[in-house]
Structures are given as C-alpha cells and as structure tokens.
Amino acid sequence: MLDTYGVSEAKWQDALEKEPHFVISETPRYVGRAVAALAADPAVARYNGLSLSSGELSGVYGFTDLDGSQPDAWRYVVEVQDAGKPADATGYR
C-alpha cells in the first residue's frame, strides 16, 4: 500500500494528499498483533466461522498499533468514507 502511494512507513502521512481517507490506515504489525492475540486465546473457538477486523479485536484484547492508537478502519469506511463525509479519523483511532 505504501508503494501504491509512493510513501515510506516513516512518511505515510504524505499519502493523505492523494487519498485523504488513508488517515485510517494501519500498520502490518497491527494485523500481526490481532493474529497473535487470537493464537494466544484458549477460547479462540468462539470466533469460528466469523470474519473479524483488527480494529474489532483490539477492543477485545487491548492491543494497539505502533502509534498507540486502535484504528477501526472498517467502521470508518462505513460511517465516514462510504457516507461521503470528509476524511477525519477522530473517534476511529
């Protein structure tokens, strides 16, 4: 994704010029932390057959992205981007 926007991890915010909704982006480590949390959960079977997001799981397990936030990208896409509202991650990070 960073290559698509021609930015580096250190300067990912520069992609906001091309795509303002990139403000809700998350690092690969955030997804990795979701996977690790599921792998460590002895009751993980409760999620069998479900589609889960890292944002949803961060609320359950308490992990964060590298910047300490808990981006909820899918909720943002539905409530902000798809609704035609201007890019603003307030309340979604």
PDB file of N, CA and C in Angstrom:
ATOM      1  N   MET A   1       0.826  -1.182   0.000  1.00  0.00           N
ATOM      2  CA  MET A   1       0.000   0.000   0.000  1.00  0.00           C
ATOM      3  C   MET A   1       0.870   1.244   0.000  1.00  0.00           C
ATOM      4  N   LEU A   2       1.957   1.212   0.762  1.00  0.00           N
ATOM      5  CA  LEU A   2       2.843   2.373   0.784  1.00  0.00           C
ATOM      6  C   LEU A   2       3.426   2.637  -0.603  1.00  0.00           C
ATOM      7  N   ASP A   3       3.791   1.560  -1.298  1.00  0.00           N
ATOM      8  CA  ASP A   3       4.319   1.712  -2.654  1.00  0.00           C
ATOM      9  C   ASP A   3       3.283   2.326  -3.589  1.00  0.00           C
ATOM     10  N   THR A   4       2.039   1.953  -3.408  1.00  0.00           N
ATOM     11  CA  THR A   4       0.965   2.496  -4.246  1.00  0.00           C
ATOM     12  C   THR A   4       0.918   4.019  -4.165  1.00  0.00           C
ATOM     13  N   TYR A   5       1.138   4.538  -2.967  1.00  0.00           N
ATOM     14  CA  TYR A   5       1.082   5.984  -2.766  1.00  0.00           C
ATOM     15  C   TYR A   5       2.459   6.646  -2.824  1.00  0.00           C
ATOM     16  N   GLY A   6       3.509   5.833  -3.043  1.00  0.00           N
ATOM     17  CA  GLY A   6       4.855   6.385  -3.154  1.00  0.00           C
ATOM     18  C   GLY A   6       5.378   6.996  -1.879  1.00  0.00           C
ATOM     19  N   VAL A   7       5.046   6.380  -0.738  1.00  0.00           N
ATOM     20  CA  VAL A   7       5.496   6.887   0.558  1.00  0.00           C
ATOM     21  C   VAL A   7       6.214   5.778   1.325  1.00  0.00           C
ATOM     22  N   SER A   8       6.908   6.168   2.366  1.00  0.00           N
ATOM     23  CA  SER A   8       7.576   5.207   3.239  1.00  0.00           C
ATOM     24  C   SER A   8       6.782   5.087   4.535  1.00  0.00           C
ATOM     25  N   GLU A   9       7.148   4.098   5.334  1.00  0.00           N
ATOM     26  CA  GLU A   9       6.461   3.937   6.621  1.00  0.00           C
ATOM     27  C   GLU A   9       6.647   5.170   7.496  1.00  0.00           C
ATOM     28  N   ALA A  10       7.839   5.754   7.431  1.00  0.00           N
ATOM     29  CA  ALA A  10       8.128   6.935   8.245  1.00  0.00           C
ATOM     30  C   ALA A  10       7.330   8.160   7.805  1.00  0.00           C
ATOM     31  N   LYS A  11       6.966   8.209   6.517  1.00  0.00           N
ATOM     32  CA  LYS A  11       6.263   9.388   5.994  1.00  0.00           C
ATOM     33  C   LYS A  11       4.927   9.012   5.364  1.00  0.00           C
ATOM     34  N   TRP A  12       4.224   8.055   5.969  1.00  0.00           N
ATOM     35  CA  TRP A  12       2.967   7.587   5.389  1.00  0.00           C
ATOM     36  C   TRP A  12       1.931   8.694   5.286  1.00  0.00           C
ATOM     37  N   GLN A  13       2.026   9.689   6.180  1.00  0.00           N
ATOM     38  CA  GLN A  13       1.043  10.773   6.160  1.00  0.00           C
ATOM     39  C   GLN A  13       1.091  11.571   4.860  1.00  0.00           C
ATOM     40  N   ASP A  14       2.218  11.506   4.143  1.00  0.00           N
ATOM     41  CA  ASP A  14       2.307  12.210   2.866  1.00  0.00           C
ATOM     42  C   ASP A  14       1.282  11.685   1.856  1.00  0.00           C
ATOM     43  N   ALA A  15       0.823  10.458   2.046  1.00  0.00           N
ATOM     44  CA  ALA A  15      -0.181   9.875   1.143  1.00  0.00           C
ATOM     45  C   ALA A  15      -1.541  10.542   1.283  1.00  0.00           C
ATOM     46  N   LEU A  16      -1.744  11.290   2.347  1.00  0.00           N
ATOM     47  CA  LEU A  16      -3.038  11.951   2.565  1.00  0.00           C
ATOM     48  C   LEU A  16      -3.333  12.995   1.493  1.00  0.00           C
ATOM     49  N   GLU A  17      -2.289  13.494   0.851  1.00  0.00           N
ATOM     50  CA  GLU A  17      -2.501  14.453  -0.238  1.00  0.00           C
ATOM     51  C   GLU A  17      -3.248  13.800  -1.396  1.00  0.00           C
ATOM     52  N   LYS A  18      -2.898  12.543  -1.696  1.00  0.00           N
ATOM     53  CA  LYS A  18      -3.549  11.817  -2.795  1.00  0.00           C
ATOM     54  C   LYS A  18      -4.857  11.171  -2.354  1.00  0.00           C
ATOM     55  N   GLU A  19      -4.871  10.661  -1.146  1.00  0.00           N
ATOM     56  CA  GLU A  19      -6.055   9.945  -0.637  1.00  0.00           C
ATOM     57  C   GLU A  19      -6.284  10.319   0.832  1.00  0.00           C
ATOM     58  N   PRO A  20      -7.123  11.322   1.093  1.00  0.00           N
ATOM     59  CA  PRO A  20      -7.347  11.778   2.467  1.00  0.00           C
ATOM     60  C   PRO A  20      -7.841  10.686   3.415  1.00  0.00           C
ATOM     61  N   HIS A  21      -8.581   9.706   2.901  1.00  0.00           N
ATOM     62  CA  HIS A  21      -9.092   8.645   3.777  1.00  0.00           C
ATOM     63  C   HIS A  21      -8.015   7.648   4.207  1.00  0.00           C
ATOM     64  N   PHE A  22      -6.801   7.800   3.667  1.00  0.00           N
ATOM     65  CA  PHE A  22      -5.672   6.984   4.102  1.00  0.00           C
ATOM     66  C   PHE A  22      -5.348   7.269   5.570  1.00  0.00           C
ATOM     67  N   VAL A  23      -5.954   8.296   6.124  1.00  0.00           N
ATOM     68  CA  VAL A  23      -5.760   8.677   7.521  1.00  0.00           C
ATOM     69  C   VAL A  23      -6.111   7.538   8.488  1.00  0.00           C
ATOM     70  N   ILE A  24      -6.921   6.601   8.059  1.00  0.00           N
ATOM     71  CA  ILE A  24      -7.331   5.490   8.919  1.00  0.00           C
ATOM     72  C   ILE A  24      -6.427   4.267   8.740  1.00  0.00           C
ATOM     73  N   SER A  25      -5.405   4.380   7.910  1.00  0.00           N
ATOM     74  CA  SER A  25      -4.546   3.224   7.642  1.00  0.00           C
ATOM     75  C   SER A  25      -3.915   2.691   8.924  1.00  0.00           C
ATOM     76  N   GLU A  26      -3.552   1.417   8.854  1.00  0.00           N
ATOM     77  CA  GLU A  26      -2.926   0.752   9.989  1.00  0.00           C
ATOM     78  C   GLU A  26      -1.674   0.031   9.517  1.00  0.00           C
ATOM     79  N   THR A  27      -0.767  -0.224  10.428  1.00  0.00           N
ATOM     80  CA  THR A  27       0.478  -0.901  10.061  1.00  0.00           C
ATOM     81  C   THR A  27       0.262  -2.414   9.994  1.00  0.00           C
ATOM     82  N   PRO A  28       1.156  -3.113   9.292  1.00  0.00           N
ATOM     83  CA  PRO A  28       1.077  -4.579   9.282  1.00  0.00           C
ATOM     84  C   PRO A  28       1.218  -5.177  10.686  1.00  0.00           C
ATOM     85  N   ARG A  29       1.910  -4.491  11.565  1.00  0.00           N
ATOM     86  CA  ARG A  29       2.057  -5.010  12.930  1.00  0.00           C
ATOM     87  C   ARG A  29       0.726  -5.053  13.664  1.00  0.00           C
ATOM     88  N   TYR A  30      -0.153  -4.140  13.334  1.00  0.00           N
ATOM     89  CA  TYR A  30      -1.473  -4.125  13.980  1.00  0.00           C
ATOM     90  C   TYR A  30      -2.223  -5.421  13.664  1.00  0.00           C
ATOM     91  N   VAL A  31      -2.194  -5.807  12.404  1.00  0.00           N
ATOM     92  CA  VAL A  31      -2.821  -7.068  11.998  1.00  0.00           C
ATOM     93  C   VAL A  31      -2.090  -8.235  12.655  1.00  0.00           C
ATOM     94  N   GLY A  32      -0.763  -8.157  12.695  1.00  0.00           N
ATOM     95  CA  GLY A  32       0.024  -9.209  13.347  1.00  0.00           C
ATOM     96  C   GLY A  32      -0.322  -9.355  14.818  1.00  0.00           C
ATOM     97  N   ARG A  33      -0.557  -8.248  15.482  1.00  0.00           N
ATOM     98  CA  ARG A  33      -0.935  -8.298  16.897  1.00  0.00           C
ATOM     99  C   ARG A  33      -2.317  -8.924  17.066  1.00  0.00           C
ATOM    100  N   ALA A  34      -3.182  -8.709  16.099  1.00  0.00           N
ATOM    101  CA  ALA A  34      -4.504  -9.353  16.135  1.00  0.00           C
ATOM    102  C   ALA A  34      -4.346 -10.866  16.010  1.00  0.00           C
ATOM    103  N   VAL A  35      -3.505 -11.297  15.076  1.00  0.00           N
ATOM    104  CA  VAL A  35      -3.260 -12.729  14.878  1.00  0.00           C
ATOM    105  C   VAL A  35      -2.638 -13.338  16.133  1.00  0.00           C
ATOM    106  N   ALA A  36      -1.666 -12.647  16.710  1.00  0.00           N
ATOM    107  CA  ALA A  36      -1.008 -13.150  17.923  1.00  0.00           C
ATOM    108  C   ALA A  36      -1.997 -13.263  19.082  1.00  0.00           C
ATOM    109  N   ALA A  37      -2.883 -12.285  19.210  1.00  0.00           N
ATOM    110  CA  ALA A  37      -3.881 -12.326  20.285  1.00  0.00           C
ATOM    111  C   ALA A  37      -4.820 -13.513  20.109  1.00  0.00           C
ATOM    112  N   LEU A  38      -5.246 -13.746  18.882  1.00  0.00           N
ATOM    113  CA  LEU A  38      -6.106 -14.908  18.625  1.00  0.00           C
ATOM    114  C   LEU A  38      -5.376 -16.210  18.904  1.00  0.00           C
ATOM    115  N   ALA A  39      -4.117 -16.287  18.492  1.00  0.00           N
ATOM    116  CA  ALA A  39      -3.335 -17.513  18.695  1.00  0.00           C
ATOM    117  C   ALA A  39      -3.123 -17.817  20.173  1.00  0.00           C
ATOM    118  N   ALA A  40      -3.072 -16.792  21.000  1.00  0.00           N
ATOM    119  CA  ALA A  40      -2.834 -16.976  22.435  1.00  0.00           C
ATOM    120  C   ALA A  40      -4.120 -17.181  23.231  1.00  0.00           C
ATOM    121  N   ASP A  41      -5.248 -17.029  22.614  1.00  0.00           N
ATOM    122  CA  ASP A  41      -6.538 -17.118  23.310  1.00  0.00           C
ATOM    123  C   ASP A  41      -7.009 -18.566  23.389  1.00  0.00           C
ATOM    124  N   PRO A  42      -7.093 -19.125  24.589  1.00  0.00           N
ATOM    125  CA  PRO A  42      -7.549 -20.514  24.711  1.00  0.00           C
ATOM    126  C   PRO A  42      -9.018 -20.696  24.310  1.00  0.00           C
ATOM    127  N   ALA A  43      -9.763 -19.618  24.263  1.00  0.00           N
ATOM    128  CA  ALA A  43     -11.182 -19.691  23.902  1.00  0.00           C
ATOM    129  C   ALA A  43     -11.422 -19.176  22.481  1.00  0.00           C
ATOM    130  N   VAL A  44     -10.404 -19.250  21.628  1.00  0.00           N
ATOM    131  CA  VAL A  44     -10.488 -18.701  20.277  1.00  0.00           C
ATOM    132  C   VAL A  44     -11.599 -19.350  19.451  1.00  0.00           C
ATOM    133  N   ALA A  45     -12.006 -20.539  19.796  1.00  0.00           N
ATOM    134  CA  ALA A  45     -13.047 -21.236  19.028  1.00  0.00           C
ATOM    135  C   ALA A  45     -14.349 -20.444  18.970  1.00  0.00           C
ATOM    136  N   ARG A  46     -14.541 -19.522  19.880  1.00  0.00           N
ATOM    137  CA  ARG A  46     -15.775 -18.721  19.854  1.00  0.00           C
ATOM    138  C   ARG A  46     -15.872 -17.867  18.588  1.00  0.00           C
ATOM    139  N   TYR A  47     -14.734 -17.702  17.894  1.00  0.00           N
ATOM    140  CA  TYR A  47     -14.708 -16.915  16.676  1.00  0.00           C
ATOM    141  C   TYR A  47     -14.793 -17.768  15.415  1.00  0.00           C
ATOM    142  N   ASN A  48     -14.933 -19.069  15.559  1.00  0.00           N
ATOM    143  CA  ASN A  48     -15.022 -19.945  14.387  1.00  0.00           C
ATOM    144  C   ASN A  48     -16.116 -19.463  13.438  1.00  0.00           C
ATOM    145  N   GLY A  49     -15.775 -19.373  12.159  1.00  0.00           N
ATOM    146  CA  GLY A  49     -16.741 -19.010  11.136  1.00  0.00           C
ATOM    147  C   GLY A  49     -17.029 -17.522  11.022  1.00  0.00           C
ATOM    148  N   LEU A  50     -16.371 -16.698  11.843  1.00  0.00           N
ATOM    149  CA  LEU A  50     -16.622 -15.258  11.807  1.00  0.00           C
ATOM    150  C   LEU A  50     -15.544 -14.531  11.027  1.00  0.00           C
ATOM    151  N   SER A  51     -15.902 -13.419  10.461  1.00  0.00           N
ATOM    152  CA  SER A  51     -14.951 -12.520   9.833  1.00  0.00           C
ATOM    153  C   SER A  51     -14.693 -11.391  10.819  1.00  0.00           C
ATOM    154  N   LEU A  52     -13.440 -11.218  11.198  1.00  0.00           N
ATOM    155  CA  LEU A  52     -13.097 -10.252  12.239  1.00  0.00           C
ATOM    156  C   LEU A  52     -12.125  -9.216  11.707  1.00  0.00           C
ATOM    157  N   SER A  53     -12.168  -8.023  12.260  1.00  0.00           N
ATOM    158  CA  SER A  53     -11.215  -6.985  11.873  1.00  0.00           C
ATOM    159  C   SER A  53     -10.231  -6.750  13.012  1.00  0.00           C
ATOM    160  N   SER A  54      -9.081  -6.215  12.663  1.00  0.00           N
ATOM    161  CA  SER A  54      -8.089  -5.901  13.691  1.00  0.00           C
ATOM    162  C   SER A  54      -8.637  -4.838  14.644  1.00  0.00           C
ATOM    163  N   GLY A  55      -9.406  -3.892  14.125  1.00  0.00           N
ATOM    164  CA  GLY A  55      -9.996  -2.866  14.986  1.00  0.00           C
ATOM    165  C   GLY A  55     -10.967  -3.454  15.989  1.00  0.00           C
ATOM    166  N   GLU A  56     -11.774  -4.391  15.539  1.00  0.00           N
ATOM    167  CA  GLU A  56     -12.718  -5.063  16.428  1.00  0.00           C
ATOM    168  C   GLU A  56     -11.965  -5.862  17.500  1.00  0.00           C
ATOM    169  N   LEU A  57     -10.938  -6.588  17.070  1.00  0.00           N
ATOM    170  CA  LEU A  57     -10.180  -7.419  18.006  1.00  0.00           C
ATOM    171  C   LEU A  57      -9.357  -6.600  18.992  1.00  0.00           C
ATOM    172  N   SER A  58      -8.915  -5.412  18.583  1.00  0.00           N
ATOM    173  CA  SER A  58      -8.148  -4.575  19.506  1.00  0.00           C
ATOM    174  C   SER A  58      -9.007  -4.146  20.691  1.00  0.00           C
ATOM    175  N   GLY A  59     -10.298  -3.992  20.451  1.00  0.00           N
ATOM    176  CA  GLY A  59     -11.209  -3.670  21.552  1.00  0.00           C
ATOM    177  C   GLY A  59     -11.383  -4.822  22.520  1.00  0.00           C
ATOM    178  N   VAL A  60     -11.279  -6.041  22.021  1.00  0.00           N
ATOM    179  CA  VAL A  60     -11.419  -7.238  22.859  1.00  0.00           C
ATOM    180  C   VAL A  60     -10.128  -7.519  23.621  1.00  0.00           C
ATOM    181  N   TYR A  61      -8.992  -7.463  22.917  1.00  0.00           N
ATOM    182  CA  TYR A  61      -7.717  -7.875  23.500  1.00  0.00           C
ATOM    183  C   TYR A  61      -6.848  -6.730  24.003  1.00  0.00           C
ATOM    184  N   GLY A  62      -7.156  -5.499  23.621  1.00  0.00           N
ATOM    185  CA  GLY A  62      -6.437  -4.342  24.149  1.00  0.00           C
ATOM    186  C   GLY A  62      -5.116  -4.003  23.484  1.00  0.00           C
ATOM    187  N   PHE A  63      -4.780  -4.618  22.357  1.00  0.00           N
ATOM    188  CA  PHE A  63      -3.526  -4.270  21.684  1.00  0.00           C
ATOM    189  C   PHE A  63      -3.697  -2.977  20.897  1.00  0.00           C
ATOM    190  N   THR A  64      -2.578  -2.377  20.541  1.00  0.00           N
ATOM    191  CA  THR A  64      -2.591  -1.113  19.801  1.00  0.00           C
ATOM    192  C   THR A  64      -1.673  -1.203  18.585  1.00  0.00           C
ATOM    193  N   ASP A  65      -1.809  -0.231  17.717  1.00  0.00           N
ATOM    194  CA  ASP A  65      -0.903  -0.091  16.585  1.00  0.00           C
ATOM    195  C   ASP A  65       0.385   0.569  17.105  1.00  0.00           C
ATOM    196  N   LEU A  66       1.366   0.715  16.249  1.00  0.00           N
ATOM    197  CA  LEU A  66       2.661   1.243  16.672  1.00  0.00           C
ATOM    198  C   LEU A  66       2.582   2.636  17.287  1.00  0.00           C
ATOM    199  N   ASP A  67       1.611   3.428  16.859  1.00  0.00           N
ATOM    200  CA  ASP A  67       1.481   4.783  17.406  1.00  0.00           C
ATOM    201  C   ASP A  67       0.630   4.827  18.672  1.00  0.00           C
ATOM    202  N   GLY A  68       0.211   3.659  19.173  1.00  0.00           N
ATOM    203  CA  GLY A  68      -0.592   3.601  20.393  1.00  0.00           C
ATOM    204  C   GLY A  68      -2.088   3.699  20.156  1.00  0.00           C
ATOM    205  N   SER A  69      -2.491   3.894  18.902  1.00  0.00           N
ATOM    206  CA  SER A  69      -3.917   4.011  18.603  1.00  0.00           C
ATOM    207  C   SER A  69      -4.524   2.645  18.284  1.00  0.00           C
ATOM    208  N   GLN A  70      -5.833   2.611  18.206  1.00  0.00           N
ATOM    209  CA  GLN A  70      -6.579   1.402  17.854  1.00  0.00           C
ATOM    210  C   GLN A  70      -7.482   1.720  16.663  1.00  0.00           C
ATOM    211  N   PRO A  71      -6.892   1.816  15.450  1.00  0.00           N
ATOM    212  CA  PRO A  71      -7.694   2.168  14.281  1.00  0.00           C
ATOM    213  C   PRO A  71      -8.818   1.162  14.022  1.00  0.00           C
ATOM    214  N   ASP A  72      -9.984   1.679  13.751  1.00  0.00           N
ATOM    215  CA  ASP A  72     -11.131   0.838  13.403  1.00  0.00           C
ATOM    216  C   ASP A  72     -11.517   1.178  11.965  1.00  0.00           C
ATOM    217  N   ALA A  73     -10.724   0.633  11.036  1.00  0.00           N
ATOM    218  CA  ALA A  73     -10.857   1.001   9.631  1.00  0.00           C
ATOM    219  C   ALA A  73     -12.203   0.643   9.027  1.00  0.00           C
ATOM    220  N   TRP A  74     -12.722  -0.530   9.313  1.00  0.00           N
ATOM    221  CA  TRP A  74     -13.982  -0.935   8.673  1.00  0.00           C
ATOM    222  C   TRP A  74     -15.150  -0.078   9.133  1.00  0.00           C
ATOM    223  N   ARG A  75     -15.183   0.263  10.412  1.00  0.00           N
ATOM    224  CA  ARG A  75     -16.250   1.143  10.899  1.00  0.00           C
ATOM    225  C   ARG A  75     -16.093   2.517  10.246  1.00  0.00           C
ATOM    226  N   TYR A  76     -14.853   2.984  10.119  1.00  0.00           N
ATOM    227  CA  TYR A  76     -14.580   4.266   9.475  1.00  0.00           C
ATOM    228  C   TYR A  76     -15.064   4.258   8.022  1.00  0.00           C
ATOM    229  N   VAL A  77     -14.749   3.209   7.298  1.00  0.00           N
ATOM    230  CA  VAL A  77     -15.150   3.129   5.885  1.00  0.00           C
ATOM    231  C   VAL A  77     -16.663   3.263   5.753  1.00  0.00           C
ATOM    232  N   VAL A  78     -17.394   2.561   6.581  1.00  0.00           N
ATOM    233  CA  VAL A  78     -18.860   2.593   6.511  1.00  0.00           C
ATOM    234  C   VAL A  78     -19.419   3.948   6.959  1.00  0.00           C
ATOM    235  N   GLU A  79     -18.938   4.427   8.113  1.00  0.00           N
ATOM    236  CA  GLU A  79     -19.536   5.613   8.723  1.00  0.00           C
ATOM    237  C   GLU A  79     -19.022   6.932   8.165  1.00  0.00           C
ATOM    238  N   VAL A  80     -17.821   6.946   7.588  1.00  0.00           N
ATOM    239  CA  VAL A  80     -17.251   8.199   7.086  1.00  0.00           C
ATOM    240  C   VAL A  80     -17.086   8.155   5.567  1.00  0.00           C
ATOM    241  N   GLN A  81     -16.229   7.261   5.094  1.00  0.00           N
ATOM    242  CA  GLN A  81     -15.910   7.236   3.664  1.00  0.00           C
ATOM    243  C   GLN A  81     -17.126   6.925   2.804  1.00  0.00           C
ATOM    244  N   ASP A  82     -17.814   5.818   3.069  1.00  0.00           N
ATOM    245  CA  ASP A  82     -18.982   5.451   2.270  1.00  0.00           C
ATOM    246  C   ASP A  82     -20.130   6.438   2.420  1.00  0.00           C
ATOM    247  N   ALA A  83     -20.163   7.119   3.555  1.00  0.00           N
ATOM    248  CA  ALA A  83     -21.220   8.108   3.789  1.00  0.00           C
ATOM    249  C   ALA A  83     -20.914   9.440   3.116  1.00  0.00           C
ATOM    250  N   GLY A  84     -19.755   9.531   2.462  1.00  0.00           N
ATOM    251  CA  GLY A  84     -19.409  10.754   1.744  1.00  0.00           C
ATOM    252  C   GLY A  84     -18.938  11.888   2.624  1.00  0.00           C
ATOM    253  N   LYS A  85     -18.547  11.590   3.851  1.00  0.00           N
ATOM    254  CA  LYS A  85     -18.069  12.637   4.759  1.00  0.00           C
ATOM    255  C   LYS A  85     -16.592  12.904   4.498  1.00  0.00           C
ATOM    256  N   PRO A  86     -16.113  14.084   4.895  1.00  0.00           N
ATOM    257  CA  PRO A  86     -14.685  14.376   4.715  1.00  0.00           C
ATOM    258  C   PRO A  86     -13.826  13.499   5.619  1.00  0.00           C
ATOM    259  N   ALA A  87     -12.619  13.241   5.168  1.00  0.00           N
ATOM    260  CA  ALA A  87     -11.694  12.402   5.925  1.00  0.00           C
ATOM    261  C   ALA A  87     -11.415  12.992   7.295  1.00  0.00           C
ATOM    262  N   ASP A  88     -11.646  12.206   8.322  1.00  0.00           N
ATOM    263  CA  ASP A  88     -11.388  12.610   9.699  1.00  0.00           C
ATOM    264  C   ASP A  88     -11.404  11.338  10.553  1.00  0.00           C
ATOM    265  N   ALA A  89     -10.261  10.969  11.096  1.00  0.00           N
ATOM    266  CA  ALA A  89     -10.152   9.739  11.882  1.00  0.00           C
ATOM    267  C   ALA A  89     -10.528   9.931  13.347  1.00  0.00           C
ATOM    268  N   THR A  90     -10.971  11.114  13.721  1.00  0.00           N
ATOM    269  CA  THR A  90     -11.372  11.357  15.110  1.00  0.00           C
ATOM    270  C   THR A  90     -12.449  10.361  15.516  1.00  0.00           C
ATOM    271  N   GLY A  91     -12.187   9.644  16.600  1.00  0.00           N
ATOM    272  CA  GLY A  91     -13.150   8.658  17.090  1.00  0.00           C
ATOM    273  C   GLY A  91     -12.974   7.283  16.456  1.00  0.00           C
ATOM    274  N   TYR A  92     -12.034   7.160  15.520  1.00  0.00           N
ATOM    275  CA  TYR A  92     -11.793   5.887  14.844  1.00  0.00           C
ATOM    276  C   TYR A  92     -10.360   5.406  15.056  1.00  0.00           C
ATOM    277  N   ARG A  93      -9.549   6.115  15.798  1.00  0.00           N
ATOM    278  CA  ARG A  93      -8.160   5.724  16.079  1.00  0.00           C
ATOM    279  C   ARG A  93      -7.971   5.586  17.559  1.00  0.00           C
TER     280      ARG A  93
END
